[in-house]
Amino acid sequence: MTMLQKINLAVITLLSISAGLAKVMLMPQEVQFFENAGLGESTLLIFGLAQIIAGILLIIKNMRKWGAIFVAVMFILSTVMILSNGMIGFGIFSILPIVLTGFIIKNNLQKV
């Protein structure tokens, strides 16, 4: 694994876990965002836990491929919700973590 791949892995891992923690901690911005999307706190908590678990799976070498796929799915769902809330600029920017996670998936699929 190159240094760039390690940095990408670290960034995506931290991004997934920190985004999940913000949701689990019921940060006001997250609560408001989910309410605007028509979703409640229980969905917010489940989504947050899923992001944390996905991020943790990235740390475990044997689970990295599945963790990356899980992280990508969570980022895609987030981006769809962002775009559906009319936040076009942020939604477009939110595609970047999906692309970076795609590199992790690609790197780990080649080892199968």
N, C-alpha and C. Protein backbone atom coordinates (compact mmCIF):
# COMPACT_ATOMS: atom_id res chain seq x y z
N MET A 1 0.85 -1.17 0.00
CA MET A 1 0.00 0.00 0.00
C MET A 1 0.90 1.24 0.00
N THR A 2 0.64 2.13 -0.93
CA THR A 2 1.45 3.34 -1.03
C THR A 2 1.06 4.32 0.08
N MET A 3 1.88 5.33 0.25
CA MET A 3 1.60 6.35 1.26
C MET A 3 0.29 7.08 0.94
N LEU A 4 0.05 7.36 -0.33
CA LEU A 4 -1.19 8.03 -0.74
C LEU A 4 -2.41 7.17 -0.41
N GLN A 5 -2.31 5.87 -0.61
CA GLN A 5 -3.41 4.96 -0.29
C GLN A 5 -3.65 4.93 1.22
N LYS A 6 -2.57 4.96 2.00
CA LYS A 6 -2.70 4.97 3.47
C LYS A 6 -3.37 6.25 3.94
N ILE A 7 -2.98 7.38 3.35
CA ILE A 7 -3.59 8.66 3.72
C ILE A 7 -5.07 8.65 3.36
N ASN A 8 -5.39 8.18 2.16
CA ASN A 8 -6.79 8.10 1.74
C ASN A 8 -7.59 7.22 2.69
N LEU A 9 -7.05 6.08 3.05
CA LEU A 9 -7.72 5.16 3.98
C LEU A 9 -7.95 5.84 5.32
N ALA A 10 -6.95 6.53 5.83
CA ALA A 10 -7.07 7.22 7.12
C ALA A 10 -8.14 8.31 7.05
N VAL A 11 -8.13 9.09 5.99
CA VAL A 11 -9.09 10.19 5.85
C VAL A 11 -10.51 9.65 5.77
N ILE A 12 -10.73 8.65 4.95
CA ILE A 12 -12.08 8.09 4.79
C ILE A 12 -12.54 7.41 6.08
N THR A 13 -11.63 6.71 6.75
CA THR A 13 -11.97 6.07 8.03
C THR A 13 -12.41 7.12 9.04
N LEU A 14 -11.60 8.16 9.19
CA LEU A 14 -11.94 9.23 10.14
C LEU A 14 -13.22 9.96 9.75
N LEU A 15 -13.41 10.17 8.47
CA LEU A 15 -14.62 10.86 8.01
C LEU A 15 -15.87 10.04 8.32
N SER A 16 -15.81 8.74 8.07
CA SER A 16 -16.96 7.87 8.33
C SER A 16 -17.27 7.80 9.83
N ILE A 17 -16.24 7.59 10.63
CA ILE A 17 -16.45 7.47 12.08
C ILE A 17 -16.92 8.80 12.67
N SER A 18 -16.30 9.90 12.25
CA SER A 18 -16.69 11.20 12.82
C SER A 18 -18.11 11.60 12.39
N ALA A 19 -18.48 11.30 11.15
CA ALA A 19 -19.85 11.59 10.69
C ALA A 19 -20.85 10.76 11.49
N GLY A 20 -20.49 9.50 11.74
CA GLY A 20 -21.36 8.64 12.54
C GLY A 20 -21.48 9.12 13.98
N LEU A 21 -20.37 9.55 14.56
CA LEU A 21 -20.40 10.06 15.94
C LEU A 21 -21.27 11.31 16.05
N ALA A 22 -21.19 12.19 15.06
CA ALA A 22 -22.03 13.40 15.07
C ALA A 22 -23.51 13.03 15.10
N LYS A 23 -23.86 11.98 14.41
CA LYS A 23 -25.25 11.54 14.37
C LYS A 23 -25.65 10.87 15.69
N VAL A 24 -24.79 10.00 16.19
CA VAL A 24 -25.09 9.28 17.44
C VAL A 24 -25.18 10.26 18.62
N MET A 25 -24.38 11.32 18.56
CA MET A 25 -24.39 12.33 19.62
C MET A 25 -25.56 13.31 19.46
N LEU A 26 -26.38 13.08 18.43
CA LEU A 26 -27.55 13.90 18.15
C LEU A 26 -27.20 15.39 18.07
N MET A 27 -26.16 15.67 17.31
CA MET A 27 -25.76 17.06 17.10
C MET A 27 -26.94 17.80 16.45
N PRO A 28 -27.21 19.02 16.90
CA PRO A 28 -28.39 19.74 16.40
C PRO A 28 -28.47 19.86 14.87
N GLN A 29 -27.34 20.07 14.22
CA GLN A 29 -27.35 20.18 12.76
C GLN A 29 -27.80 18.87 12.11
N GLU A 30 -27.35 17.76 12.67
CA GLU A 30 -27.72 16.45 12.13
C GLU A 30 -29.20 16.17 12.37
N VAL A 31 -29.67 16.49 13.58
CA VAL A 31 -31.09 16.28 13.90
C VAL A 31 -31.95 17.10 12.94
N GLN A 32 -31.59 18.37 12.75
CA GLN A 32 -32.35 19.24 11.86
C GLN A 32 -32.33 18.73 10.43
N PHE A 33 -31.15 18.29 9.99
CA PHE A 33 -31.01 17.78 8.62
C PHE A 33 -31.91 16.57 8.40
N PHE A 34 -31.92 15.64 9.35
CA PHE A 34 -32.76 14.44 9.20
C PHE A 34 -34.24 14.80 9.30
N GLU A 35 -34.58 15.77 10.15
CA GLU A 35 -35.98 16.21 10.24
C GLU A 35 -36.41 16.83 8.91
N ASN A 36 -35.53 17.63 8.30
CA ASN A 36 -35.85 18.23 7.00
C ASN A 36 -36.06 17.17 5.92
N ALA A 37 -35.37 16.03 6.08
CA ALA A 37 -35.50 14.93 5.13
C ALA A 37 -36.70 14.04 5.46
N GLY A 38 -37.42 14.38 6.53
CA GLY A 38 -38.59 13.60 6.92
C GLY A 38 -38.26 12.35 7.72
N LEU A 39 -37.07 12.34 8.31
CA LEU A 39 -36.63 11.18 9.09
C LEU A 39 -36.46 11.58 10.55
N GLY A 40 -36.66 10.61 11.43
CA GLY A 40 -36.60 10.89 12.86
C GLY A 40 -35.26 10.55 13.48
N GLU A 41 -35.22 10.72 14.80
CA GLU A 41 -33.99 10.47 15.55
C GLU A 41 -33.58 9.00 15.53
N SER A 42 -34.54 8.09 15.50
CA SER A 42 -34.18 6.67 15.47
C SER A 42 -33.43 6.34 14.19
N THR A 43 -33.88 6.90 13.07
CA THR A 43 -33.18 6.70 11.80
C THR A 43 -31.80 7.34 11.85
N LEU A 44 -31.72 8.50 12.46
CA LEU A 44 -30.44 9.19 12.63
C LEU A 44 -29.46 8.34 13.42
N LEU A 45 -29.93 7.75 14.50
CA LEU A 45 -29.05 6.90 15.33
C LEU A 45 -28.60 5.65 14.58
N ILE A 46 -29.51 5.02 13.88
CA ILE A 46 -29.16 3.82 13.10
C ILE A 46 -28.15 4.17 12.02
N PHE A 47 -28.38 5.28 11.33
CA PHE A 47 -27.47 5.73 10.28
C PHE A 47 -26.10 6.02 10.87
N GLY A 48 -26.08 6.69 12.02
CA GLY A 48 -24.81 7.00 12.68
C GLY A 48 -24.05 5.76 13.10
N LEU A 49 -24.75 4.81 13.69
CA LEU A 49 -24.10 3.55 14.09
C LEU A 49 -23.56 2.81 12.87
N ALA A 50 -24.31 2.83 11.79
CA ALA A 50 -23.85 2.17 10.57
C ALA A 50 -22.56 2.82 10.06
N GLN A 51 -22.49 4.15 10.10
CA GLN A 51 -21.28 4.84 9.65
C GLN A 51 -20.09 4.52 10.55
N ILE A 52 -20.32 4.43 11.83
CA ILE A 52 -19.23 4.08 12.76
C ILE A 52 -18.74 2.67 12.49
N ILE A 53 -19.66 1.73 12.37
CA ILE A 53 -19.29 0.33 12.11
C ILE A 53 -18.54 0.22 10.78
N ALA A 54 -19.03 0.91 9.76
CA ALA A 54 -18.37 0.87 8.45
C ALA A 54 -16.94 1.40 8.56
N GLY A 55 -16.76 2.50 9.28
CA GLY A 55 -15.43 3.06 9.47
C GLY A 55 -14.50 2.12 10.21
N ILE A 56 -15.03 1.45 11.21
CA ILE A 56 -14.23 0.48 11.98
C ILE A 56 -13.83 -0.69 11.09
N LEU A 57 -14.73 -1.13 10.23
CA LEU A 57 -14.40 -2.23 9.32
C LEU A 57 -13.24 -1.88 8.39
N LEU A 58 -13.09 -0.59 8.07
CA LEU A 58 -11.96 -0.17 7.24
C LEU A 58 -10.62 -0.40 7.94
N ILE A 59 -10.64 -0.37 9.24
CA ILE A 59 -9.40 -0.54 10.01
C ILE A 59 -8.93 -1.99 9.98
N ILE A 60 -9.89 -2.92 9.93
CA ILE A 60 -9.58 -4.35 9.98
C ILE A 60 -9.22 -4.82 8.57
N LYS A 61 -7.98 -5.21 8.38
CA LYS A 61 -7.46 -5.52 7.05
C LYS A 61 -8.31 -6.55 6.30
N ASN A 62 -8.72 -7.62 6.97
CA ASN A 62 -9.50 -8.67 6.31
C ASN A 62 -10.93 -8.23 5.99
N MET A 63 -11.37 -7.15 6.61
CA MET A 63 -12.74 -6.66 6.39
C MET A 63 -12.76 -5.36 5.59
N ARG A 64 -11.61 -4.89 5.16
CA ARG A 64 -11.49 -3.58 4.52
C ARG A 64 -12.36 -3.45 3.27
N LYS A 65 -12.39 -4.49 2.44
CA LYS A 65 -13.19 -4.43 1.20
C LYS A 65 -14.66 -4.21 1.55
N TRP A 66 -15.18 -4.98 2.49
CA TRP A 66 -16.59 -4.87 2.86
C TRP A 66 -16.84 -3.55 3.59
N GLY A 67 -15.89 -3.13 4.40
CA GLY A 67 -16.02 -1.84 5.08
C GLY A 67 -16.09 -0.71 4.07
N ALA A 68 -15.25 -0.76 3.05
CA ALA A 68 -15.23 0.28 2.03
C ALA A 68 -16.54 0.31 1.25
N ILE A 69 -17.06 -0.85 0.94
CA ILE A 69 -18.35 -0.92 0.23
C ILE A 69 -19.45 -0.33 1.11
N PHE A 70 -19.44 -0.70 2.38
CA PHE A 70 -20.42 -0.21 3.35
C PHE A 70 -20.30 1.32 3.49
N VAL A 71 -19.07 1.82 3.60
CA VAL A 71 -18.84 3.26 3.70
C VAL A 71 -19.36 3.96 2.45
N ALA A 72 -19.06 3.42 1.29
CA ALA A 72 -19.51 4.02 0.03
C ALA A 72 -21.04 4.11 -0.01
N VAL A 73 -21.71 3.04 0.40
CA VAL A 73 -23.17 3.04 0.41
C VAL A 73 -23.69 4.13 1.34
N MET A 74 -23.09 4.26 2.51
CA MET A 74 -23.53 5.27 3.47
C MET A 74 -23.28 6.68 2.92
N PHE A 75 -22.12 6.89 2.28
CA PHE A 75 -21.84 8.19 1.67
C PHE A 75 -22.81 8.50 0.53
N ILE A 76 -23.15 7.48 -0.24
CA ILE A 76 -24.11 7.68 -1.34
C ILE A 76 -25.47 8.07 -0.78
N LEU A 77 -25.92 7.36 0.25
CA LEU A 77 -27.21 7.70 0.87
C LEU A 77 -27.18 9.13 1.42
N SER A 78 -26.08 9.51 2.05
CA SER A 78 -25.95 10.87 2.58
C SER A 78 -26.02 11.89 1.46
N THR A 79 -25.32 11.63 0.37
CA THR A 79 -25.31 12.56 -0.76
C THR A 79 -26.70 12.70 -1.37
N VAL A 80 -27.40 11.60 -1.50
CA VAL A 80 -28.77 11.65 -2.03
C VAL A 80 -29.65 12.50 -1.11
N MET A 81 -29.52 12.32 0.20
CA MET A 81 -30.32 13.11 1.14
C MET A 81 -29.93 14.59 1.06
N ILE A 82 -28.65 14.87 0.94
CA ILE A 82 -28.19 16.26 0.83
C ILE A 82 -28.78 16.90 -0.42
N LEU A 83 -28.68 16.21 -1.53
CA LEU A 83 -29.21 16.75 -2.79
C LEU A 83 -30.73 16.90 -2.74
N SER A 84 -31.41 15.95 -2.11
CA SER A 84 -32.87 16.02 -2.02
C SER A 84 -33.34 17.15 -1.11
N ASN A 85 -32.45 17.60 -0.22
CA ASN A 85 -32.75 18.75 0.63
C ASN A 85 -32.43 20.08 -0.07
N GLY A 86 -32.03 20.00 -1.33
CA GLY A 86 -31.77 21.21 -2.10
C GLY A 86 -30.41 21.82 -1.88
N MET A 87 -29.52 21.10 -1.22
CA MET A 87 -28.18 21.60 -0.93
C MET A 87 -27.24 21.16 -2.06
N ILE A 88 -27.41 21.76 -3.23
CA ILE A 88 -26.73 21.31 -4.44
C ILE A 88 -25.21 21.44 -4.34
N GLY A 89 -24.72 22.59 -3.89
CA GLY A 89 -23.27 22.79 -3.79
C GLY A 89 -22.61 21.78 -2.86
N PHE A 90 -23.19 21.62 -1.67
CA PHE A 90 -22.65 20.66 -0.72
C PHE A 90 -22.82 19.23 -1.24
N GLY A 91 -23.91 18.99 -1.95
CA GLY A 91 -24.16 17.66 -2.51
C GLY A 91 -23.10 17.28 -3.53
N ILE A 92 -22.74 18.24 -4.38
CA ILE A 92 -21.70 17.97 -5.38
C ILE A 92 -20.37 17.71 -4.69
N PHE A 93 -20.06 18.51 -3.67
CA PHE A 93 -18.82 18.31 -2.91
C PHE A 93 -18.83 16.94 -2.21
N SER A 94 -20.02 16.48 -1.81
CA SER A 94 -20.15 15.20 -1.10
C SER A 94 -19.85 14.00 -1.98
N ILE A 95 -19.72 14.22 -3.26
CA ILE A 95 -19.36 13.12 -4.17
C ILE A 95 -17.88 12.74 -3.98
N LEU A 96 -17.06 13.70 -3.55
CA LEU A 96 -15.62 13.45 -3.38
C LEU A 96 -15.32 12.27 -2.45
N PRO A 97 -15.92 12.18 -1.25
CA PRO A 97 -15.64 11.01 -0.40
C PRO A 97 -16.06 9.69 -1.04
N ILE A 98 -17.11 9.73 -1.87
CA ILE A 98 -17.55 8.51 -2.56
C ILE A 98 -16.46 8.06 -3.53
N VAL A 99 -15.91 9.02 -4.27
CA VAL A 99 -14.85 8.70 -5.23
C VAL A 99 -13.61 8.17 -4.49
N LEU A 100 -13.24 8.83 -3.40
CA LEU A 100 -12.06 8.39 -2.64
C LEU A 100 -12.28 7.00 -2.04
N THR A 101 -13.50 6.71 -1.62
CA THR A 101 -13.81 5.37 -1.11
C THR A 101 -13.74 4.36 -2.25
N GLY A 102 -14.11 4.78 -3.44
CA GLY A 102 -14.01 3.90 -4.62
C GLY A 102 -12.58 3.44 -4.86
N PHE A 103 -11.61 4.30 -4.60
CA PHE A 103 -10.20 3.90 -4.74
C PHE A 103 -9.84 2.81 -3.72
N ILE A 104 -10.39 2.92 -2.52
CA ILE A 104 -10.13 1.89 -1.50
C ILE A 104 -10.75 0.57 -1.94
N ILE A 105 -11.98 0.63 -2.45
CA ILE A 105 -12.64 -0.59 -2.93
C ILE A 105 -11.82 -1.21 -4.06
N LYS A 106 -11.43 -0.40 -5.02
CA LYS A 106 -10.66 -0.89 -6.17
C LYS A 106 -9.35 -1.53 -5.71
N ASN A 107 -8.65 -0.89 -4.81
CA ASN A 107 -7.40 -1.41 -4.29
C ASN A 107 -7.57 -2.76 -3.60
N ASN A 108 -8.68 -2.92 -2.90
CA ASN A 108 -8.92 -4.16 -2.16
C ASN A 108 -9.58 -5.24 -3.00
N LEU A 109 -10.23 -4.88 -4.09
CA LEU A 109 -10.79 -5.90 -4.99
C LEU A 109 -9.69 -6.59 -5.77
N GLN A 110 -8.63 -5.88 -6.07
CA GLN A 110 -7.52 -6.44 -6.83
C GLN A 110 -6.81 -7.55 -6.06
N LYS A 111 -6.98 -7.58 -4.74
CA LYS A 111 -6.30 -8.57 -3.91
C LYS A 111 -7.12 -9.83 -3.71
N VAL A 112 -8.33 -9.85 -4.30
CA VAL A 112 -9.20 -11.03 -4.12
C VAL A 112 -8.83 -12.12 -5.09
